[in-house]
C-alpha cells in the first residue's frame, strides 16, 4: 500500500460540527408564530377568511397588532401560510397510507382525518369562488405546490377506485374530489355534535358512511 493510500485510510474523518441550537429568542419567535397559525385556523374554521381580521388574530393570540406584522406582512400571507401548513399535515396522512391498502380505504382514511380536524376546530372553511383568499392561495407558491401533490395523490386513488368498482365509474373524478373536500367543511358535524347523541368518533363514521355509501338502503 502506498504512503498516500495508507494516509487516506488512517486519517480520521473530519469532525461534523453539531447543529446550532436555536436561541431562546428564536424559540420564542417560532412558538408565537405557531400560536398565530393555530388561532388563524380556528378563525378560518368558524368565520371564514373574508370575515376574519388581523385585529381578531392578534387578540386571539394575545399580542399587539404590530407584533403580528413582524411574522406576517398581510392577512393574505397569513391565511396562505396557515393553509400551506394544513396541506403539509394532509400530505403526511396521505404518505402514511400503506401501498397495499385498497384505494377506497385510503380515501376514507384521509376523509376521517379531515373530519376529525373539523371537529377539533382546525379545518378552515372552503373559500367561496368570490373570496379574495383564492387569489392569495394561487399566488402563494408553497401552497400551490402542495395542492398539486395532494390532488395528484387523491386523483390516483379516485381513478383506481373507479376502476375496481368501489366508486362509480360514471362520476367525474373532480366531482368525487370536491365532494370529499366539502364533507370536511360540512356543518352537519356540528349539528350532530349538538344533539349530544353521538361521540365524535361516531359522527366521523356516520359521515364517512353517508359520503361513500349514500343514503339508499342496500
Protein backbone atom coordinates (compact mmCIF):
# COMPACT_ATOMS: atom_id res chain seq x y z
CA UNK A 1 0.00 0.00 0.00
CA UNK A 2 1.40 3.40 -0.93
CA UNK A 3 2.03 6.08 1.64
CA UNK A 4 -0.74 8.22 0.21
CA UNK A 5 -3.21 5.30 0.34
CA UNK A 6 -2.18 4.47 3.90
CA UNK A 7 -2.64 8.10 4.89
CA UNK A 8 -6.13 8.13 3.41
CA UNK A 9 -7.06 5.04 5.44
CA UNK A 10 -5.62 6.13 8.76
CA UNK A 11 -6.55 9.80 8.55
CA UNK A 12 -9.55 10.47 10.82
CA UNK A 13 -12.73 11.67 9.20
CA UNK A 14 -13.35 15.39 9.57
CA UNK A 15 -15.47 16.22 12.57
CA UNK A 16 -19.06 17.20 11.85
CA UNK A 17 -19.99 20.42 13.55
CA UNK A 18 -23.02 19.97 15.81
CA UNK A 19 -26.19 21.64 14.65
CA UNK A 20 -26.67 25.05 16.17
CA UNK A 21 -29.42 25.13 18.75
CA UNK A 22 -31.89 27.95 18.23
CA UNK A 23 -31.54 30.79 20.70
CA UNK A 24 -34.21 31.47 23.30
CA UNK A 25 -35.38 34.45 21.27
CA UNK A 26 -35.68 32.27 18.16
CA UNK A 27 -37.62 29.65 20.08
CA UNK A 28 -39.98 32.32 21.39
CA UNK A 29 -40.47 33.67 17.87
CA UNK A 30 -41.25 30.19 16.50
CA UNK A 31 -43.65 29.41 19.36
CA UNK A 32 -45.50 32.68 18.83
CA UNK A 33 -45.74 32.03 15.10
CA UNK A 34 -47.25 28.62 15.76
CA UNK A 35 -49.76 30.19 18.16
CA UNK A 36 -50.69 32.68 15.44
CA UNK A 37 -51.27 29.92 12.87
CA UNK A 38 -53.34 27.92 15.35
CA UNK A 39 -55.51 30.97 16.02
CA UNK A 40 -55.90 31.60 12.29
CA UNK A 41 -57.06 28.03 11.72
CA UNK A 42 -59.73 28.47 14.41
CA UNK A 43 -60.93 31.74 12.90
CA UNK A 44 -60.92 30.37 9.36
CA UNK A 45 -62.92 27.39 10.61
CA UNK A 46 -65.53 29.49 12.43
CA UNK A 47 -65.72 32.75 10.47
CA UNK A 48 -64.05 32.16 7.15
CA UNK A 49 -61.38 34.30 5.52
CA UNK A 50 -63.48 37.27 4.44
CA UNK A 51 -64.80 37.96 7.96
CA UNK A 52 -61.51 37.33 9.74
CA UNK A 53 -59.48 40.44 10.65
CA UNK A 54 -55.88 40.92 11.72
CA UNK A 55 -57.14 42.59 14.90
CA UNK A 56 -59.03 39.41 15.76
CA UNK A 57 -55.97 37.27 15.13
CA UNK A 58 -53.80 39.45 17.37
CA UNK A 59 -56.47 39.44 20.06
CA UNK A 60 -56.87 35.67 19.85
CA UNK A 61 -53.13 35.18 20.38
CA UNK A 62 -52.85 37.93 22.98
CA UNK A 63 -50.26 40.03 21.19
CA UNK A 64 -50.17 43.56 19.82
CA UNK A 65 -51.02 44.02 16.16
CA UNK A 66 -47.52 45.35 15.30
CA UNK A 67 -46.09 42.11 16.72
CA UNK A 68 -48.33 40.15 14.39
CA UNK A 69 -46.94 42.04 11.40
CA UNK A 70 -43.41 41.00 12.39
CA UNK A 71 -44.44 37.47 11.44
CA UNK A 72 -46.82 38.07 8.54
CA UNK A 73 -46.96 41.17 6.40
CA UNK A 74 -50.60 40.78 5.36
CA UNK A 75 -53.82 38.92 6.00
CA UNK A 76 -53.36 37.17 2.65
CA UNK A 77 -49.91 35.87 3.55
CA UNK A 78 -51.10 34.77 6.98
CA UNK A 79 -54.00 32.76 5.62
CA UNK A 80 -51.89 31.29 2.81
CA UNK A 81 -49.22 30.04 5.23
CA UNK A 82 -51.92 28.58 7.51
CA UNK A 83 -53.40 26.71 4.55
CA UNK A 84 -49.91 25.62 3.48
CA UNK A 85 -49.31 24.04 6.91
CA UNK A 86 -52.71 22.36 6.74
CA UNK A 87 -51.76 20.75 3.43
CA UNK A 88 -48.47 19.60 5.00
CA UNK A 89 -50.48 17.72 7.61
CA UNK A 90 -52.75 16.27 4.94
CA UNK A 91 -49.78 15.14 2.84
CA UNK A 92 -48.37 13.40 5.92
CA UNK A 93 -51.65 11.49 6.25
CA UNK A 94 -51.59 10.60 2.56
CA UNK A 95 -47.98 9.39 2.77
CA UNK A 96 -48.80 7.23 5.80
CA UNK A 97 -51.32 5.09 3.87
CA UNK A 98 -49.97 1.59 3.08
CA UNK A 99 -49.25 0.94 -0.60
CA UNK A 100 -51.10 -2.39 -0.33
CA UNK A 101 -54.27 -0.72 1.00
CA UNK A 102 -57.33 -0.58 -1.24
CA UNK A 103 -57.69 2.89 -2.86
CA UNK A 104 -61.18 3.37 -1.39
CA UNK A 105 -59.80 2.73 2.10
CA UNK A 106 -57.05 5.30 1.58
CA UNK A 107 -59.67 7.86 0.54
CA UNK A 108 -61.73 7.02 3.63
CA UNK A 109 -58.73 7.44 5.91
CA UNK A 110 -57.96 10.88 4.51
CA UNK A 111 -61.61 11.88 4.92
CA UNK A 112 -61.59 10.60 8.52
CA UNK A 113 -58.57 12.77 9.26
CA UNK A 114 -60.23 15.83 7.69
CA UNK A 115 -63.47 15.26 9.63
CA UNK A 116 -61.56 14.94 12.89
CA UNK A 117 -59.68 18.15 12.09
CA UNK A 118 -63.05 19.83 11.52
CA UNK A 119 -64.35 18.68 14.89
CA UNK A 120 -61.10 19.85 16.51
CA UNK A 121 -61.68 23.32 15.04
CA UNK A 122 -58.64 23.26 12.79
CA UNK A 123 -60.24 22.72 9.37
CA UNK A 124 -60.75 26.07 7.56
CA UNK A 125 -63.95 26.68 5.66
CA UNK A 126 -63.54 26.31 1.92
CA UNK A 127 -63.13 29.74 0.27
CA UNK A 128 -66.03 30.65 -1.99
CA UNK A 129 -65.44 31.29 -5.68
CA UNK A 130 -65.72 35.02 -4.91
CA UNK A 131 -63.34 35.01 -1.94
CA UNK A 132 -60.15 37.03 -2.24
CA UNK A 133 -58.44 34.16 -0.45
CA UNK A 134 -58.50 32.12 -3.65
CA UNK A 135 -56.25 34.62 -5.42
CA UNK A 136 -53.92 34.78 -2.41
CA UNK A 137 -53.60 30.99 -2.38
CA UNK A 138 -52.96 30.67 -6.11
CA UNK A 139 -50.20 33.29 -5.85
CA UNK A 140 -48.58 31.57 -2.84
CA UNK A 141 -46.20 29.09 -4.49
CA UNK A 142 -45.59 26.80 -1.46
CA UNK A 143 -49.35 26.30 -1.05
CA UNK A 144 -49.90 25.69 -4.76
CA UNK A 145 -47.07 23.12 -4.92
CA UNK A 146 -48.60 21.17 -2.01
CA UNK A 147 -52.06 21.42 -3.53
CA UNK A 148 -50.79 19.84 -6.75
CA UNK A 149 -49.18 16.97 -4.80
CA UNK A 150 -52.34 16.40 -2.81
CA UNK A 151 -54.69 16.43 -5.79
CA UNK A 152 -52.39 14.11 -7.76
CA UNK A 153 -52.32 11.57 -4.92
CA UNK A 154 -56.06 11.78 -4.30
CA UNK A 155 -56.76 11.68 -8.04
CA UNK A 156 -54.73 8.49 -8.43
CA UNK A 157 -56.75 6.80 -5.66
CA UNK A 158 -60.03 8.01 -7.14
CA UNK A 159 -59.19 6.67 -10.59
CA UNK A 160 -58.14 3.33 -9.09
CA UNK A 161 -61.32 3.17 -7.01
CA UNK A 162 -63.40 3.85 -10.13
CA UNK A 163 -61.51 1.14 -11.98
CA UNK A 164 -62.16 -1.52 -9.32
CA UNK A 165 -65.81 -0.50 -8.94
CA UNK A 166 -65.66 0.82 -5.37
CA UNK A 167 -66.50 4.32 -6.69
CA UNK A 168 -68.98 4.86 -9.51
CA UNK A 169 -67.20 4.97 -12.84
CA UNK A 170 -69.79 7.40 -14.20
CA UNK A 171 -68.77 10.15 -11.79
CA UNK A 172 -66.17 12.67 -12.97
CA UNK A 173 -63.10 12.44 -10.73
CA UNK A 174 -63.26 16.15 -9.85
CA UNK A 175 -66.82 15.68 -8.56
CA UNK A 176 -65.61 12.92 -6.24
CA UNK A 177 -62.69 15.03 -5.01
CA UNK A 178 -64.76 18.19 -4.45
CA UNK A 179 -67.35 16.10 -2.58
CA UNK A 180 -64.68 14.86 -0.19
CA UNK A 181 -63.43 18.42 0.36
CA UNK A 182 -66.99 19.60 1.01
CA UNK A 183 -67.61 16.87 3.60
CA UNK A 184 -64.60 18.12 5.56
CA UNK A 185 -66.35 21.50 5.96
CA UNK A 186 -69.90 20.19 6.36
CA UNK A 187 -71.89 21.91 9.18
CA UNK A 188 -73.70 18.60 9.71
CA UNK A 189 -70.86 17.64 12.05
CA UNK A 190 -71.75 20.48 14.43
CA UNK A 191 -75.46 19.69 14.23
CA UNK A 192 -74.82 16.06 15.15
CA UNK A 193 -72.49 17.03 17.97
CA UNK A 194 -75.05 19.46 19.42
CA UNK A 195 -77.64 16.68 19.75
CA UNK A 196 -75.40 15.02 22.33
CA UNK A 197 -76.39 11.61 20.96
CA UNK A 198 -73.10 10.74 19.30
CA UNK A 199 -69.42 10.72 20.13
CA UNK A 200 -67.02 12.44 17.77
CA UNK A 201 -65.84 9.02 16.56
CA UNK A 202 -69.43 8.01 15.76
CA UNK A 203 -70.02 11.29 13.91
CA UNK A 204 -66.93 10.73 11.79
CA UNK A 205 -68.02 7.20 10.85
CA UNK A 206 -71.56 8.34 10.05
CA UNK A 207 -70.19 10.99 7.71
CA UNK A 208 -67.80 8.54 6.04
CA UNK A 209 -70.63 6.04 5.59
CA UNK A 210 -73.04 8.54 4.01
CA UNK A 211 -70.31 10.02 1.84
CA UNK A 212 -69.19 6.73 0.33
CA UNK A 213 -72.32 4.62 0.75
CA UNK A 214 -75.04 7.16 0.15
CA UNK A 215 -78.47 7.11 1.79
CA UNK A 216 -80.14 4.33 -0.17
CA UNK A 217 -80.69 1.01 1.62
CA UNK A 218 -78.58 -1.90 0.42
